PDB file of N, CA and C in Angstrom:
ATOM      1  N   MET A   1     185.310 -11.675  45.376  1.00  0.00           N
ATOM      2  CA  MET A   1     185.770 -12.592  46.399  1.00  0.00           C
ATOM      3  C   MET A   1     186.740 -11.829  47.281  1.00  0.00           C
ATOM      4  N   ARG A   2     186.526 -11.903  48.553  1.00  0.00           N
ATOM      5  CA  ARG A   2     187.352 -11.187  49.517  1.00  0.00           C
ATOM      6  C   ARG A   2     188.672 -11.918  49.739  1.00  0.00           C
ATOM      7  N   SER A   3     189.735 -11.139  49.870  1.00  0.00           N
ATOM      8  CA  SER A   3     191.046 -11.692  50.210  1.00  0.00           C
ATOM      9  C   SER A   3     191.167 -11.770  51.724  1.00  0.00           C
ATOM     10  N   PRO A   4     191.999 -12.679  52.240  1.00  0.00           N
ATOM     11  CA  PRO A   4     192.134 -12.823  53.689  1.00  0.00           C
ATOM     12  C   PRO A   4     192.591 -11.546  54.399  1.00  0.00           C
ATOM     13  N   ASP A   5     193.346 -10.698  53.712  1.00  0.00           N
ATOM     14  CA  ASP A   5     193.853  -9.492  54.370  1.00  0.00           C
ATOM     15  C   ASP A   5     192.975  -8.258  54.154  1.00  0.00           C
ATOM     16  N   ASP A   6     191.820  -8.413  53.509  1.00  0.00           N
ATOM     17  CA  ASP A   6     190.902  -7.286  53.325  1.00  0.00           C
ATOM     18  C   ASP A   6     190.284  -6.896  54.662  1.00  0.00           C
ATOM     19  N   ARG A   7     190.279  -5.606  54.937  1.00  0.00           N
ATOM     20  CA  ARG A   7     189.644  -5.103  56.161  1.00  0.00           C
ATOM     21  C   ARG A   7     188.175  -4.820  55.868  1.00  0.00           C
ATOM     22  N   ILE A   8     187.303  -5.148  56.826  1.00  0.00           N
ATOM     23  CA  ILE A   8     185.863  -4.996  56.620  1.00  0.00           C
ATOM     24  C   ILE A   8     185.504  -3.547  56.311  1.00  0.00           C
ATOM     25  N   ALA A   9     186.154  -2.587  56.954  1.00  0.00           N
ATOM     26  CA  ALA A   9     185.845  -1.177  56.687  1.00  0.00           C
ATOM     27  C   ALA A   9     186.150  -0.818  55.236  1.00  0.00           C
ATOM     28  N   ASP A  10     187.244  -1.340  54.702  1.00  0.00           N
ATOM     29  CA  ASP A  10     187.599  -1.076  53.303  1.00  0.00           C
ATOM     30  C   ASP A  10     186.605  -1.730  52.348  1.00  0.00           C
ATOM     31  N   VAL A  11     186.209  -2.945  52.667  1.00  0.00           N
ATOM     32  CA  VAL A  11     185.244  -3.657  51.824  1.00  0.00           C
ATOM     33  C   VAL A  11     183.905  -2.925  51.823  1.00  0.00           C
ATOM     34  N   GLU A  12     183.440  -2.519  52.998  1.00  0.00           N
ATOM     35  CA  GLU A  12     182.166  -1.811  53.083  1.00  0.00           C
ATOM     36  C   GLU A  12     182.224  -0.492  52.319  1.00  0.00           C
ATOM     37  N   TRP A  13     183.356   0.226  52.407  1.00  0.00           N
ATOM     38  CA  TRP A  13     183.512   1.471  51.652  1.00  0.00           C
ATOM     39  C   TRP A  13     183.395   1.193  50.153  1.00  0.00           C
ATOM     40  N   LYS A  14     184.070   0.152  49.698  1.00  0.00           N
ATOM     41  CA  LYS A  14     184.054  -0.196  48.274  1.00  0.00           C
ATOM     42  C   LYS A  14     182.645  -0.581  47.811  1.00  0.00           C
ATOM     43  N   MET A  15     181.937  -1.384  48.594  1.00  0.00           N
ATOM     44  CA  MET A  15     180.585  -1.797  48.222  1.00  0.00           C
ATOM     45  C   MET A  15     179.657  -0.584  48.126  1.00  0.00           C
ATOM     46  N   ASN A  16     179.764   0.319  49.094  1.00  0.00           N
ATOM     47  CA  ASN A  16     178.927   1.518  49.073  1.00  0.00           C
ATOM     48  C   ASN A  16     179.311   2.454  47.933  1.00  0.00           C
ATOM     49  N   ALA A  17     180.584   2.487  47.560  1.00  0.00           N
ATOM     50  CA  ALA A  17     181.019   3.293  46.414  1.00  0.00           C
ATOM     51  C   ALA A  17     180.399   2.755  45.128  1.00  0.00           C
ATOM     52  N   TYR A  18     180.376   1.435  44.962  1.00  0.00           N
ATOM     53  CA  TYR A  18     179.734   0.844  43.778  1.00  0.00           C
ATOM     54  C   TYR A  18     178.285   1.314  43.668  1.00  0.00           C
ATOM     55  N   LEU A  19     177.574   1.290  44.791  1.00  0.00           N
ATOM     56  CA  LEU A  19     176.169   1.706  44.788  1.00  0.00           C
ATOM     57  C   LEU A  19     176.042   3.203  44.503  1.00  0.00           C
ATOM     58  N   ALA A  20     176.923   3.998  45.081  1.00  0.00           N
ATOM     59  CA  ALA A  20     176.872   5.450  44.895  1.00  0.00           C
ATOM     60  C   ALA A  20     177.113   5.845  43.444  1.00  0.00           C
ATOM     61  N   TYR A  21     177.885   5.052  42.725  1.00  0.00           N
ATOM     62  CA  TYR A  21     178.195   5.360  41.327  1.00  0.00           C
ATOM     63  C   TYR A  21     177.278   4.644  40.339  1.00  0.00           C
ATOM     64  N   GLY A  22     176.127   4.189  40.826  1.00  0.00           N
ATOM     65  CA  GLY A  22     175.116   3.674  39.915  1.00  0.00           C
ATOM     66  C   GLY A  22     174.871   2.179  39.951  1.00  0.00           C
ATOM     67  N   GLY A  23     175.661   1.448  40.699  1.00  0.00           N
ATOM     68  CA  GLY A  23     175.424   0.013  40.807  1.00  0.00           C
ATOM     69  C   GLY A  23     174.120  -0.268  41.540  1.00  0.00           C
ATOM     70  N   VAL A  24     173.505  -1.393  41.252  1.00  0.00           N
ATOM     71  CA  VAL A  24     172.278  -1.768  41.954  1.00  0.00           C
ATOM     72  C   VAL A  24     172.527  -2.886  42.962  1.00  0.00           C
ATOM     73  N   LEU A  25     173.649  -3.590  42.805  1.00  0.00           N
ATOM     74  CA  LEU A  25     173.968  -4.701  43.695  1.00  0.00           C
ATOM     75  C   LEU A  25     175.476  -4.899  43.727  1.00  0.00           C
ATOM     76  N   ALA A  26     176.016  -5.074  44.927  1.00  0.00           N
ATOM     77  CA  ALA A  26     177.433  -5.386  45.092  1.00  0.00           C
ATOM     78  C   ALA A  26     177.527  -6.578  46.038  1.00  0.00           C
ATOM     79  N   LEU A  27     178.250  -7.612  45.617  1.00  0.00           N
ATOM     80  CA  LEU A  27     178.371  -8.829  46.419  1.00  0.00           C
ATOM     81  C   LEU A  27     179.755  -8.925  47.034  1.00  0.00           C
ATOM     82  N   ASP A  28     179.786  -9.209  48.322  1.00  0.00           N
ATOM     83  CA  ASP A  28     181.019  -9.450  49.065  1.00  0.00           C
ATOM     84  C   ASP A  28     181.004 -10.930  49.434  1.00  0.00           C
ATOM     85  N   VAL A  29     181.831 -11.711  48.774  1.00  0.00           N
ATOM     86  CA  VAL A  29     181.897 -13.156  49.012  1.00  0.00           C
ATOM     87  C   VAL A  29     182.988 -13.404  50.046  1.00  0.00           C
ATOM     88  N   VAL A  30     182.609 -14.006  51.183  1.00  0.00           N
ATOM     89  CA  VAL A  30     183.520 -14.178  52.313  1.00  0.00           C
ATOM     90  C   VAL A  30     183.809 -15.667  52.498  1.00  0.00           C
ATOM     91  N   PRO A  31     184.896 -16.164  51.896  1.00  0.00           N
ATOM     92  CA  PRO A  31     185.176 -17.607  51.934  1.00  0.00           C
ATOM     93  C   PRO A  31     185.369 -18.173  53.338  1.00  0.00           C
ATOM     94  N   ILE A  32     186.048 -17.441  54.203  1.00  0.00           N
ATOM     95  CA  ILE A  32     186.346 -17.973  55.539  1.00  0.00           C
ATOM     96  C   ILE A  32     185.068 -18.252  56.334  1.00  0.00           C
ATOM     97  N   ASP A  33     184.039 -17.421  56.133  1.00  0.00           N
ATOM     98  CA  ASP A  33     182.767 -17.583  56.839  1.00  0.00           C
ATOM     99  C   ASP A  33     181.707 -18.295  56.012  1.00  0.00           C
ATOM    100  N   ARG A  34     182.016 -18.546  54.728  1.00  0.00           N
ATOM    101  CA  ARG A  34     181.082 -19.187  53.802  1.00  0.00           C
ATOM    102  C   ARG A  34     179.767 -18.425  53.717  1.00  0.00           C
ATOM    103  N   ILE A  35     179.890 -17.089  53.577  1.00  0.00           N
ATOM    104  CA  ILE A  35     178.710 -16.247  53.438  1.00  0.00           C
ATOM    105  C   ILE A  35     178.860 -15.333  52.227  1.00  0.00           C
ATOM    106  N   VAL A  36     177.722 -14.824  51.770  1.00  0.00           N
ATOM    107  CA  VAL A  36     177.680 -13.803  50.728  1.00  0.00           C
ATOM    108  C   VAL A  36     176.932 -12.618  51.317  1.00  0.00           C
ATOM    109  N   ARG A  37     177.597 -11.469  51.334  1.00  0.00           N
ATOM    110  CA  ARG A  37     176.983 -10.231  51.815  1.00  0.00           C
ATOM    111  C   ARG A  37     176.540  -9.438  50.589  1.00  0.00           C
ATOM    112  N   ALA A  38     175.252  -9.129  50.517  1.00  0.00           N
ATOM    113  CA  ALA A  38     174.686  -8.431  49.366  1.00  0.00           C
ATOM    114  C   ALA A  38     174.321  -7.003  49.763  1.00  0.00           C
ATOM    115  N   TYR A  39     174.988  -6.056  49.140  1.00  0.00           N
ATOM    116  CA  TYR A  39     174.718  -4.642  49.365  1.00  0.00           C
ATOM    117  C   TYR A  39     173.846  -4.135  48.226  1.00  0.00           C
ATOM    118  N   SER A  40     172.752  -3.469  48.571  1.00  0.00           N
ATOM    119  CA  SER A  40     171.881  -2.860  47.566  1.00  0.00           C
ATOM    120  C   SER A  40     171.307  -1.588  48.176  1.00  0.00           C
ATOM    121  N   HIS A  41     170.536  -0.860  47.390  1.00  0.00           N
ATOM    122  CA  HIS A  41     169.918   0.359  47.905  1.00  0.00           C
ATOM    123  C   HIS A  41     168.873   0.035  48.970  1.00  0.00           C
ATOM    124  N   ALA A  42     168.438  -1.209  49.050  1.00  0.00           N
ATOM    125  CA  ALA A  42     167.498  -1.642  50.087  1.00  0.00           C
ATOM    126  C   ALA A  42     168.211  -1.935  51.405  1.00  0.00           C
ATOM    127  N   GLY A  43     169.547  -2.028  51.378  1.00  0.00           N
ATOM    128  CA  GLY A  43     170.311  -2.315  52.586  1.00  0.00           C
ATOM    129  C   GLY A  43     171.227  -3.509  52.400  1.00  0.00           C
ATOM    130  N   LEU A  44     171.672  -4.058  53.510  1.00  0.00           N
ATOM    131  CA  LEU A  44     172.584  -5.201  53.519  1.00  0.00           C
ATOM    132  C   LEU A  44     171.812  -6.471  53.860  1.00  0.00           C
ATOM    133  N   ALA A  45     172.046  -7.525  53.090  1.00  0.00           N
ATOM    134  CA  ALA A  45     171.475  -8.840  53.384  1.00  0.00           C
ATOM    135  C   ALA A  45     172.620  -9.842  53.388  1.00  0.00           C
ATOM    136  N   VAL A  46     172.605 -10.759  54.334  1.00  0.00           N
ATOM    137  CA  VAL A  46     173.656 -11.767  54.453  1.00  0.00           C
ATOM    138  C   VAL A  46     173.039 -13.137  54.196  1.00  0.00           C
ATOM    139  N   PHE A  47     173.693 -13.897  53.313  1.00  0.00           N
ATOM    140  CA  PHE A  47     173.226 -15.230  52.940  1.00  0.00           C
ATOM    141  C   PHE A  47     174.297 -16.242  53.313  1.00  0.00           C
ATOM    142  N   ALA A  48     173.885 -17.333  53.962  1.00  0.00           N
ATOM    143  CA  ALA A  48     174.814 -18.361  54.425  1.00  0.00           C
ATOM    144  C   ALA A  48     174.579 -19.673  53.683  1.00  0.00           C
ATOM    145  N   ARG A  49     175.511 -20.615  53.895  1.00  0.00           N
ATOM    146  CA  ARG A  49     175.347 -21.951  53.308  1.00  0.00           C
ATOM    147  C   ARG A  49     173.992 -22.500  53.714  1.00  0.00           C
ATOM    148  N   GLY A  50     173.361 -23.194  52.786  1.00  0.00           N
ATOM    149  CA  GLY A  50     172.030 -23.729  53.042  1.00  0.00           C
ATOM    150  C   GLY A  50     170.920 -22.781  52.612  1.00  0.00           C
ATOM    151  N   GLU A  51     171.294 -21.556  52.253  1.00  0.00           N
ATOM    152  CA  GLU A  51     170.304 -20.581  51.804  1.00  0.00           C
ATOM    153  C   GLU A  51     170.433 -20.356  50.301  1.00  0.00           C
ATOM    154  N   ARG A  52     169.383 -19.840  49.733  1.00  0.00           N
ATOM    155  CA  ARG A  52     169.365 -19.488  48.313  1.00  0.00           C
ATOM    156  C   ARG A  52     169.461 -17.974  48.210  1.00  0.00           C
ATOM    157  N   PHE A  53     170.426 -17.497  47.432  1.00  0.00           N
ATOM    158  CA  PHE A  53     170.564 -16.064  47.202  1.00  0.00           C
ATOM    159  C   PHE A  53     169.476 -15.602  46.245  1.00  0.00           C
ATOM    160  N   ALA A  54     168.832 -14.500  46.587  1.00  0.00           N
ATOM    161  CA  ALA A  54     167.865 -13.840  45.712  1.00  0.00           C
ATOM    162  C   ALA A  54     167.808 -12.378  46.130  1.00  0.00           C
ATOM    163  N   CYS A  55     167.609 -11.505  45.150  1.00  0.00           N
ATOM    164  CA  CYS A  55     167.585 -10.073  45.418  1.00  0.00           C
ATOM    165  C   CYS A  55     166.567  -9.428  44.482  1.00  0.00           C
ATOM    166  N   ALA A  56     165.675  -8.624  45.032  1.00  0.00           N
ATOM    167  CA  ALA A  56     164.619  -8.002  44.227  1.00  0.00           C
ATOM    168  C   ALA A  56     165.179  -7.100  43.132  1.00  0.00           C
ATOM    169  N   GLU A  57     166.334  -6.478  43.377  1.00  0.00           N
ATOM    170  CA  GLU A  57     166.920  -5.573  42.384  1.00  0.00           C
ATOM    171  C   GLU A  57     167.383  -6.303  41.126  1.00  0.00           C
ATOM    172  N   VAL A  58     167.764  -7.544  41.269  1.00  0.00           N
ATOM    173  CA  VAL A  58     168.205  -8.365  40.123  1.00  0.00           C
ATOM    174  C   VAL A  58     167.526  -9.736  40.229  1.00  0.00           C
ATOM    175  N   PRO A  59     166.233  -9.807  39.911  1.00  0.00           N
ATOM    176  CA  PRO A  59     165.470 -11.034  40.129  1.00  0.00           C
ATOM    177  C   PRO A  59     165.950 -12.230  39.317  1.00  0.00           C
ATOM    178  N   TRP A  60     166.695 -12.017  38.262  1.00  0.00           N
ATOM    179  CA  TRP A  60     167.207 -13.106  37.423  1.00  0.00           C
ATOM    180  C   TRP A  60     168.421 -13.791  38.049  1.00  0.00           C
ATOM    181  N   LEU A  61     169.019 -13.179  39.079  1.00  0.00           N
ATOM    182  CA  LEU A  61     170.217 -13.744  39.704  1.00  0.00           C
ATOM    183  C   LEU A  61     169.838 -14.487  40.980  1.00  0.00           C
ATOM    184  N   THR A  62     169.833 -15.805  40.918  1.00  0.00           N
ATOM    185  CA  THR A  62     169.583 -16.636  42.098  1.00  0.00           C
ATOM    186  C   THR A  62     170.562 -17.803  42.073  1.00  0.00           C
ATOM    187  N   PHE A  63     170.989 -18.234  43.246  1.00  0.00           N
ATOM    188  CA  PHE A  63     171.895 -19.375  43.339  1.00  0.00           C
ATOM    189  C   PHE A  63     171.924 -19.897  44.769  1.00  0.00           C
ATOM    190  N   GLN A  64     172.314 -21.145  44.909  1.00  0.00           N
ATOM    191  CA  GLN A  64     172.522 -21.736  46.223  1.00  0.00           C
ATOM    192  C   GLN A  64     173.884 -21.269  46.733  1.00  0.00           C
ATOM    193  N   VAL A  65     173.918 -20.698  47.909  1.00  0.00           N
ATOM    194  CA  VAL A  65     175.172 -20.174  48.454  1.00  0.00           C
ATOM    195  C   VAL A  65     176.209 -21.282  48.588  1.00  0.00           C
ATOM    196  N   ALA A  66     175.806 -22.467  48.964  1.00  0.00           N
ATOM    197  CA  ALA A  66     176.754 -23.580  49.115  1.00  0.00           C
ATOM    198  C   ALA A  66     177.513 -23.859  47.824  1.00  0.00           C
ATOM    199  N   GLU A  67     176.875 -23.641  46.677  1.00  0.00           N
ATOM    200  CA  GLU A  67     177.534 -23.894  45.391  1.00  0.00           C
ATOM    201  C   GLU A  67     178.710 -22.951  45.157  1.00  0.00           C
ATOM    202  N   VAL A  68     178.631 -21.752  45.695  1.00  0.00           N
ATOM    203  CA  VAL A  68     179.719 -20.780  45.543  1.00  0.00           C
ATOM    204  C   VAL A  68     180.999 -21.308  46.185  1.00  0.00           C
ATOM    205  N   PHE A  69     180.850 -22.041  47.279  1.00  0.00           N
ATOM    206  CA  PHE A  69     181.994 -22.507  48.053  1.00  0.00           C
ATOM    207  C   PHE A  69     182.299 -23.989  47.847  1.00  0.00           C
ATOM    208  N   ALA A  70     181.667 -24.619  46.897  1.00  0.00           N
ATOM    209  CA  ALA A  70     181.793 -26.070  46.708  1.00  0.00           C
ATOM    210  C   ALA A  70     183.223 -26.529  46.454  1.00  0.00           C
ATOM    211  N   ASN A  71     184.016 -25.740  45.754  1.00  0.00           N
ATOM    212  CA  ASN A  71     185.380 -26.165  45.407  1.00  0.00           C
ATOM    213  C   ASN A  71     186.454 -25.577  46.310  1.00  0.00           C
ATOM    214  N   LEU A  72     186.061 -25.004  47.428  1.00  0.00           N
ATOM    215  CA  LEU A  72     187.054 -24.421  48.346  1.00  0.00           C
ATOM    216  C   LEU A  72     187.511 -25.424  49.368  1.00  0.00           C
TER     217      LEU A  72
END
């Protein structure tokens, strides 16, 4: 979950570092915009409220994006 003072350049560096060190998926949850940014070796995908998150690299992980932000 991103903090309000996180800079996008720092977040992107961190997500790419996770992938470089063997991760297959890194999620950047952005509460202010109600989006989930998914970084994988296939590239960046952005999921918004009303959409269902799914990623080929981790097919068992699916969820409604709106549910992530339901209690905010």
